Amino acid sequence: YAARNVRWRTLTAWARENWPGLVVALTVTVVAGLAVEPALRMLSDEAILVGISKNLFASSSPTFTVSGKNYYGSYWDVDVVIDQRPPLFPFALSLVHALVGYSHANAFLLNLLVLPAFLLVTYRLAKSLGGETFGLVASLLVVAHPIVLIAVRSGGFDFFAAFFALLVVKSLLDFARGGRPAQLAILWMNLCLFAEVRYE
């Protein structure tokens, strides 16, 4: 709704205005992708999320296998349940599976792809509060914290949830300053998406 008037000229003007944040976001993403080893760090939680995304990709159902049986060299599901967690992260991960094929490593790729957007939103939020330098420093300080890089290179939904929480804060600030219906629509969209990422 809010993006219906976006034109190429508007996008290039926006990129010229925010080029320092774009450079920082892309550079830090490349460094994080090369420097931090990806791993499933919370095995029960992250493995279940990957399993749900696999079932969304393969059978369009947000389920995971609780128990199964090996029968003539194949594993057959015996007990399958629908997960109680919100489904946005496994759904987004199933979209990555649809693009590049199924692999558990796609969870690491999804979180890494969210990192530049997270840094760019951090930059824009801080820039709107304190100027260009504050925006650059804020986006660099976010990734200076080790837990952020660990979450980015894991297979969990923690970083995904942090990204949507930041989007909610940014869109709330934009709406408080502007008060336009399009900004309210973006705020509500981000709130609805945030509600579908985590259950805490």
C-alpha atoms as a PDB file:
ATOM      1  CA  TYR A   1       0.000   0.000   0.000  1.00  0.00           C
ATOM      2  CA  ALA A   2       2.630   2.501   1.062  1.00  0.00           C
ATOM      3  CA  ALA A   3       5.036   1.468  -1.699  1.00  0.00           C
ATOM      4  CA  ARG A   4       2.651   1.979  -4.616  1.00  0.00           C
ATOM      5  CA  ASN A   5       4.147   5.375  -5.495  1.00  0.00           C
ATOM      6  CA  VAL A   6       7.777   4.249  -5.413  1.00  0.00           C
ATOM      7  CA  ARG A   7       9.611   5.015  -8.644  1.00  0.00           C
ATOM      8  CA  TRP A   8      13.187   4.407  -9.826  1.00  0.00           C
ATOM      9  CA  ARG A   9      14.023   8.085  -9.345  1.00  0.00           C
ATOM     10  CA  THR A  10      12.803   7.912  -5.736  1.00  0.00           C
ATOM     11  CA  LEU A  11      14.902   4.811  -5.052  1.00  0.00           C
ATOM     12  CA  THR A  12      18.079   6.334  -6.485  1.00  0.00           C
ATOM     13  CA  ALA A  13      17.551   9.531  -4.472  1.00  0.00           C
ATOM     14  CA  TRP A  14      17.036   7.420  -1.339  1.00  0.00           C
ATOM     15  CA  ALA A  15      20.217   5.428  -2.078  1.00  0.00           C
ATOM     16  CA  ARG A  16      22.221   8.639  -2.584  1.00  0.00           C
ATOM     17  CA  GLU A  17      20.942   9.977   0.725  1.00  0.00           C
ATOM     18  CA  ASN A  18      21.714   6.767   2.622  1.00  0.00           C
ATOM     19  CA  TRP A  19      24.844   5.500   0.856  1.00  0.00           C
ATOM     20  CA  PRO A  20      27.027   5.487   4.013  1.00  0.00           C
ATOM     21  CA  GLY A  21      24.550   3.198   5.777  1.00  0.00           C
ATOM     22  CA  LEU A  22      24.303   0.947   2.721  1.00  0.00           C
ATOM     23  CA  VAL A  23      28.092   0.621   2.526  1.00  0.00           C
ATOM     24  CA  VAL A  24      28.369  -0.219   6.236  1.00  0.00           C
ATOM     25  CA  ALA A  25      25.498  -2.724   6.047  1.00  0.00           C
ATOM     26  CA  LEU A  26      26.909  -4.574   3.040  1.00  0.00           C
ATOM     27  CA  THR A  27      30.523  -4.524   4.289  1.00  0.00           C
ATOM     28  CA  VAL A  28      29.610  -5.802   7.753  1.00  0.00           C
ATOM     29  CA  THR A  29      27.413  -8.514   6.229  1.00  0.00           C
ATOM     30  CA  VAL A  30      30.261  -9.787   4.055  1.00  0.00           C
ATOM     31  CA  VAL A  31      32.671  -9.742   7.021  1.00  0.00           C
ATOM     32  CA  ALA A  32      30.166 -11.534   9.288  1.00  0.00           C
ATOM     33  CA  GLY A  33      29.480 -14.130   6.608  1.00  0.00           C
ATOM     34  CA  LEU A  34      33.178 -14.883   6.236  1.00  0.00           C
ATOM     35  CA  ALA A  35      34.366 -14.503   9.833  1.00  0.00           C
ATOM     36  CA  VAL A  36      31.687 -16.217  11.944  1.00  0.00           C
ATOM     37  CA  GLU A  37      31.182 -19.950  11.576  1.00  0.00           C
ATOM     38  CA  PRO A  38      27.495 -20.881  11.111  1.00  0.00           C
ATOM     39  CA  ALA A  39      26.095 -23.516  13.456  1.00  0.00           C
ATOM     40  CA  LEU A  40      22.912 -24.779  15.039  1.00  0.00           C
ATOM     41  CA  ARG A  41      23.536 -23.482  18.543  1.00  0.00           C
ATOM     42  CA  MET A  42      20.276 -24.422  20.288  1.00  0.00           C
ATOM     43  CA  LEU A  43      19.764 -27.857  18.825  1.00  0.00           C
ATOM     44  CA  SER A  44      16.234 -28.650  19.941  1.00  0.00           C
ATOM     45  CA  ASP A  45      14.820 -25.259  19.035  1.00  0.00           C
ATOM     46  CA  GLU A  46      16.674 -24.567  15.802  1.00  0.00           C
ATOM     47  CA  ALA A  47      16.362 -28.114  14.474  1.00  0.00           C
ATOM     48  CA  ILE A  48      12.607 -27.996  15.001  1.00  0.00           C
ATOM     49  CA  LEU A  49      12.378 -24.666  13.160  1.00  0.00           C
ATOM     50  CA  VAL A  50      14.334 -26.108  10.230  1.00  0.00           C
ATOM     51  CA  GLY A  51      12.109 -29.198  10.277  1.00  0.00           C
ATOM     52  CA  ILE A  52       8.959 -27.076  10.202  1.00  0.00           C
ATOM     53  CA  SER A  53      10.342 -25.090   7.277  1.00  0.00           C
ATOM     54  CA  LYS A  54      11.117 -28.361   5.476  1.00  0.00           C
ATOM     55  CA  ASN A  55       7.531 -29.527   5.942  1.00  0.00           C
ATOM     56  CA  LEU A  56       6.198 -26.152   4.794  1.00  0.00           C
ATOM     57  CA  PHE A  57       8.407 -26.460   1.721  1.00  0.00           C
ATOM     58  CA  ALA A  58       7.591 -30.106   0.986  1.00  0.00           C
ATOM     59  CA  SER A  59       3.962 -30.487   2.082  1.00  0.00           C
ATOM     60  CA  SER A  60       2.697 -26.958   2.868  1.00  0.00           C
ATOM     61  CA  SER A  61       1.983 -27.828   6.507  1.00  0.00           C
ATOM     62  CA  PRO A  62       3.663 -26.274   9.588  1.00  0.00           C
ATOM     63  CA  THR A  63       4.317 -29.581  11.313  1.00  0.00           C
ATOM     64  CA  PHE A  64       7.289 -31.405  12.757  1.00  0.00           C
ATOM     65  CA  THR A  65       7.953 -35.050  13.491  1.00  0.00           C
ATOM     66  CA  VAL A  66       7.945 -36.067  17.138  1.00  0.00           C
ATOM     67  CA  SER A  67       8.712 -39.740  16.528  1.00  0.00           C
ATOM     68  CA  GLY A  68       9.214 -42.095  13.628  1.00  0.00           C
ATOM     69  CA  LYS A  69      10.358 -45.506  12.591  1.00  0.00           C
ATOM     70  CA  ASN A  70      13.040 -46.806  10.258  1.00  0.00           C
ATOM     71  CA  TYR A  71      11.438 -49.222   7.849  1.00  0.00           C
ATOM     72  CA  TYR A  72      13.490 -50.821   5.084  1.00  0.00           C
ATOM     73  CA  GLY A  73      16.010 -48.013   5.025  1.00  0.00           C
ATOM     74  CA  SER A  74      13.447 -45.169   5.050  1.00  0.00           C
ATOM     75  CA  TYR A  75      12.321 -43.062   7.988  1.00  0.00           C
ATOM     76  CA  TRP A  76       8.543 -42.936   8.356  1.00  0.00           C
ATOM     77  CA  ASP A  77       6.742 -40.429  10.577  1.00  0.00           C
ATOM     78  CA  VAL A  78       4.744 -41.992  13.389  1.00  0.00           C
ATOM     79  CA  ASP A  79       3.739 -38.888  15.335  1.00  0.00           C
ATOM     80  CA  VAL A  80       3.514 -35.461  13.676  1.00  0.00           C
ATOM     81  CA  VAL A  81       2.301 -32.331  15.466  1.00  0.00           C
ATOM     82  CA  ILE A  82       1.572 -28.734  14.486  1.00  0.00           C
ATOM     83  CA  ASP A  83       4.034 -26.402  16.163  1.00  0.00           C
ATOM     84  CA  GLN A  84       2.664 -23.892  18.653  1.00  0.00           C
ATOM     85  CA  ARG A  85       5.227 -21.265  17.750  1.00  0.00           C
ATOM     86  CA  PRO A  86       4.347 -18.452  15.342  1.00  0.00           C
ATOM     87  CA  PRO A  87       5.125 -19.569  11.778  1.00  0.00           C
ATOM     88  CA  LEU A  88       6.736 -16.523  10.133  1.00  0.00           C
ATOM     89  CA  PHE A  89      10.368 -17.615  10.506  1.00  0.00           C
ATOM     90  CA  PRO A  90       9.773 -21.172   9.213  1.00  0.00           C
ATOM     91  CA  PHE A  91       7.643 -19.725   6.401  1.00  0.00           C
ATOM     92  CA  ALA A  92      10.395 -17.292   5.364  1.00  0.00           C
ATOM     93  CA  LEU A  93      12.875 -20.157   5.568  1.00  0.00           C
ATOM     94  CA  SER A  94      10.638 -22.315   3.359  1.00  0.00           C
ATOM     95  CA  LEU A  95      10.738 -19.514   0.769  1.00  0.00           C
ATOM     96  CA  VAL A  96      14.540 -19.714   0.839  1.00  0.00           C
ATOM     97  CA  HIS A  97      14.221 -23.496   0.353  1.00  0.00           C
ATOM     98  CA  ALA A  98      11.981 -22.835  -2.651  1.00  0.00           C
ATOM     99  CA  LEU A  99      14.622 -20.558  -4.183  1.00  0.00           C
ATOM    100  CA  VAL A 100      17.805 -22.560  -3.585  1.00  0.00           C
ATOM    101  CA  GLY A 101      16.631 -26.047  -2.624  1.00  0.00           C
ATOM    102  CA  TYR A 102      16.323 -27.619   0.805  1.00  0.00           C
ATOM    103  CA  SER A 103      19.279 -27.499   3.156  1.00  0.00           C
ATOM    104  CA  HIS A 104      19.505 -26.932   6.896  1.00  0.00           C
ATOM    105  CA  ALA A 105      22.168 -24.306   6.093  1.00  0.00           C
ATOM    106  CA  ASN A 106      19.462 -22.099   4.571  1.00  0.00           C
ATOM    107  CA  ALA A 107      18.590 -21.024   8.127  1.00  0.00           C
ATOM    108  CA  PHE A 108      22.051 -19.472   8.389  1.00  0.00           C
ATOM    109  CA  LEU A 109      21.593 -17.856   4.990  1.00  0.00           C
ATOM    110  CA  LEU A 110      18.227 -16.355   5.960  1.00  0.00           C
ATOM    111  CA  ASN A 111      19.615 -14.764   9.118  1.00  0.00           C
ATOM    112  CA  LEU A 112      22.625 -13.477   7.191  1.00  0.00           C
ATOM    113  CA  LEU A 113      20.333 -11.949   4.545  1.00  0.00           C
ATOM    114  CA  VAL A 114      18.367 -10.159   7.269  1.00  0.00           C
ATOM    115  CA  LEU A 115      21.567  -8.578   8.672  1.00  0.00           C
ATOM    116  CA  PRO A 116      21.976  -5.790   6.061  1.00  0.00           C
ATOM    117  CA  ALA A 117      18.316  -4.829   6.444  1.00  0.00           C
ATOM    118  CA  PHE A 118      18.725  -4.798  10.230  1.00  0.00           C
ATOM    119  CA  LEU A 119      21.810  -2.582  10.005  1.00  0.00           C
ATOM    120  CA  LEU A 120      20.136  -0.273   7.520  1.00  0.00           C
ATOM    121  CA  VAL A 121      17.070   0.151   9.735  1.00  0.00           C
ATOM    122  CA  THR A 122      19.384   0.788  12.701  1.00  0.00           C
ATOM    123  CA  TYR A 123      21.259   3.396  10.663  1.00  0.00           C
ATOM    124  CA  ARG A 124      18.033   5.107   9.516  1.00  0.00           C
ATOM    125  CA  LEU A 125      16.562   5.131  13.025  1.00  0.00           C
ATOM    126  CA  ALA A 126      19.696   6.548  14.632  1.00  0.00           C
ATOM    127  CA  LYS A 127      20.191   9.023  11.783  1.00  0.00           C
ATOM    128  CA  SER A 128      16.661  10.340  12.269  1.00  0.00           C
ATOM    129  CA  LEU A 129      17.392  10.823  15.974  1.00  0.00           C
ATOM    130  CA  GLY A 130      20.932  12.234  15.913  1.00  0.00           C
ATOM    131  CA  GLY A 131      22.323  12.726  12.432  1.00  0.00           C
ATOM    132  CA  GLU A 132      24.648  10.927  10.040  1.00  0.00           C
ATOM    133  CA  THR A 133      27.502  10.185  12.454  1.00  0.00           C
ATOM    134  CA  PHE A 134      25.135   8.847  15.089  1.00  0.00           C
ATOM    135  CA  GLY A 135      23.557   6.562  12.504  1.00  0.00           C
ATOM    136  CA  LEU A 136      26.886   5.137  11.370  1.00  0.00           C
ATOM    137  CA  VAL A 137      28.165   4.629  14.913  1.00  0.00           C
ATOM    138  CA  ALA A 138      24.900   2.992  15.996  1.00  0.00           C
ATOM    139  CA  SER A 139      24.950   0.505  13.131  1.00  0.00           C
ATOM    140  CA  LEU A 140      28.580  -0.380  13.880  1.00  0.00           C
ATOM    141  CA  LEU A 141      27.978  -0.707  17.623  1.00  0.00           C
ATOM    142  CA  VAL A 142      25.107  -3.117  17.007  1.00  0.00           C
ATOM    143  CA  VAL A 143      27.424  -5.623  15.348  1.00  0.00           C
ATOM    144  CA  ALA A 144      30.218  -4.962  17.832  1.00  0.00           C
ATOM    145  CA  HIS A 145      28.186  -6.954  20.349  1.00  0.00           C
ATOM    146  CA  PRO A 146      29.186 -10.637  19.966  1.00  0.00           C
ATOM    147  CA  ILE A 147      25.718 -12.059  20.648  1.00  0.00           C
ATOM    148  CA  VAL A 148      24.379 -10.299  17.549  1.00  0.00           C
ATOM    149  CA  LEU A 149      26.907 -11.994  15.284  1.00  0.00           C
ATOM    150  CA  ILE A 150      26.292 -15.340  16.988  1.00  0.00           C
ATOM    151  CA  ALA A 151      22.526 -14.951  16.452  1.00  0.00           C
ATOM    152  CA  VAL A 152      23.089 -13.922  12.827  1.00  0.00           C
ATOM    153  CA  ARG A 153      25.094 -17.078  12.116  1.00  0.00           C
ATOM    154  CA  SER A 154      22.739 -19.428  13.954  1.00  0.00           C
ATOM    155  CA  GLY A 155      19.564 -21.109  12.727  1.00  0.00           C
ATOM    156  CA  GLY A 156      17.170 -19.610  15.276  1.00  0.00           C
ATOM    157  CA  PHE A 157      14.534 -16.948  15.053  1.00  0.00           C
ATOM    158  CA  ASP A 158      16.066 -14.639  17.681  1.00  0.00           C
ATOM    159  CA  PHE A 159      17.720 -12.289  15.203  1.00  0.00           C
ATOM    160  CA  PHE A 160      14.659 -12.377  12.943  1.00  0.00           C
ATOM    161  CA  ALA A 161      12.545 -11.282  15.929  1.00  0.00           C
ATOM    162  CA  ALA A 162      15.015  -8.523  16.824  1.00  0.00           C
ATOM    163  CA  PHE A 163      14.785  -7.240  13.251  1.00  0.00           C
ATOM    164  CA  PHE A 164      10.995  -7.000  13.385  1.00  0.00           C
ATOM    165  CA  ALA A 165      11.142  -5.394  16.837  1.00  0.00           C
ATOM    166  CA  LEU A 166      13.453  -2.746  15.390  1.00  0.00           C
ATOM    167  CA  LEU A 167      11.107  -2.278  12.428  1.00  0.00           C
ATOM    168  CA  VAL A 168       8.234  -1.700  14.855  1.00  0.00           C
ATOM    169  CA  VAL A 169      10.223   0.952  16.751  1.00  0.00           C
ATOM    170  CA  LYS A 170      11.243   2.700  13.516  1.00  0.00           C
ATOM    171  CA  SER A 171       7.730   2.677  12.058  1.00  0.00           C
ATOM    172  CA  LEU A 172       6.266   3.860  15.384  1.00  0.00           C
ATOM    173  CA  LEU A 173       8.678   6.799  15.415  1.00  0.00           C
ATOM    174  CA  ASP A 174       7.870   7.600  11.774  1.00  0.00           C
ATOM    175  CA  PHE A 175       4.144   7.543  12.491  1.00  0.00           C
ATOM    176  CA  ALA A 176       4.542   9.657  15.653  1.00  0.00           C
ATOM    177  CA  ARG A 177       6.386  12.282  13.617  1.00  0.00           C
ATOM    178  CA  GLY A 178       4.272  12.185  10.450  1.00  0.00           C
ATOM    179  CA  GLY A 179       0.844  10.874  11.386  1.00  0.00           C
ATOM    180  CA  ARG A 180      -0.023   9.847   7.809  1.00  0.00           C
ATOM    181  CA  PRO A 181      -2.319   6.877   7.078  1.00  0.00           C
ATOM    182  CA  ALA A 182       0.403   5.159   5.023  1.00  0.00           C
ATOM    183  CA  GLN A 183       2.731   5.299   8.044  1.00  0.00           C
ATOM    184  CA  LEU A 184       0.009   3.823  10.247  1.00  0.00           C
ATOM    185  CA  ALA A 185      -0.487   1.003   7.731  1.00  0.00           C
ATOM    186  CA  ILE A 186       3.241   0.238   7.812  1.00  0.00           C
ATOM    187  CA  LEU A 187       3.224   0.294  11.625  1.00  0.00           C
ATOM    188  CA  TRP A 188       0.309  -2.154  11.804  1.00  0.00           C
ATOM    189  CA  MET A 189       1.863  -4.411   9.182  1.00  0.00           C
ATOM    190  CA  ASN A 190       5.121  -4.545  11.145  1.00  0.00           C
ATOM    191  CA  LEU A 191       3.256  -5.205  14.396  1.00  0.00           C
ATOM    192  CA  CYS A 192       1.321  -8.075  12.801  1.00  0.00           C
ATOM    193  CA  LEU A 193       4.503  -9.576  11.352  1.00  0.00           C
ATOM    194  CA  PHE A 194       6.335  -9.168  14.665  1.00  0.00           C
ATOM    195  CA  ALA A 195       3.525 -11.028  16.429  1.00  0.00           C
ATOM    196  CA  GLU A 196       4.112 -13.987  14.106  1.00  0.00           C
ATOM    197  CA  VAL A 197       7.858 -14.333  14.818  1.00  0.00           C
ATOM    198  CA  ARG A 198       8.126 -15.102  18.538  1.00  0.00           C
ATOM    199  CA  TYR A 199       5.785 -16.311  21.221  1.00  0.00           C
ATOM    200  CA  GLU A 200       7.407 -14.615  24.251  1.00  0.00           C
END
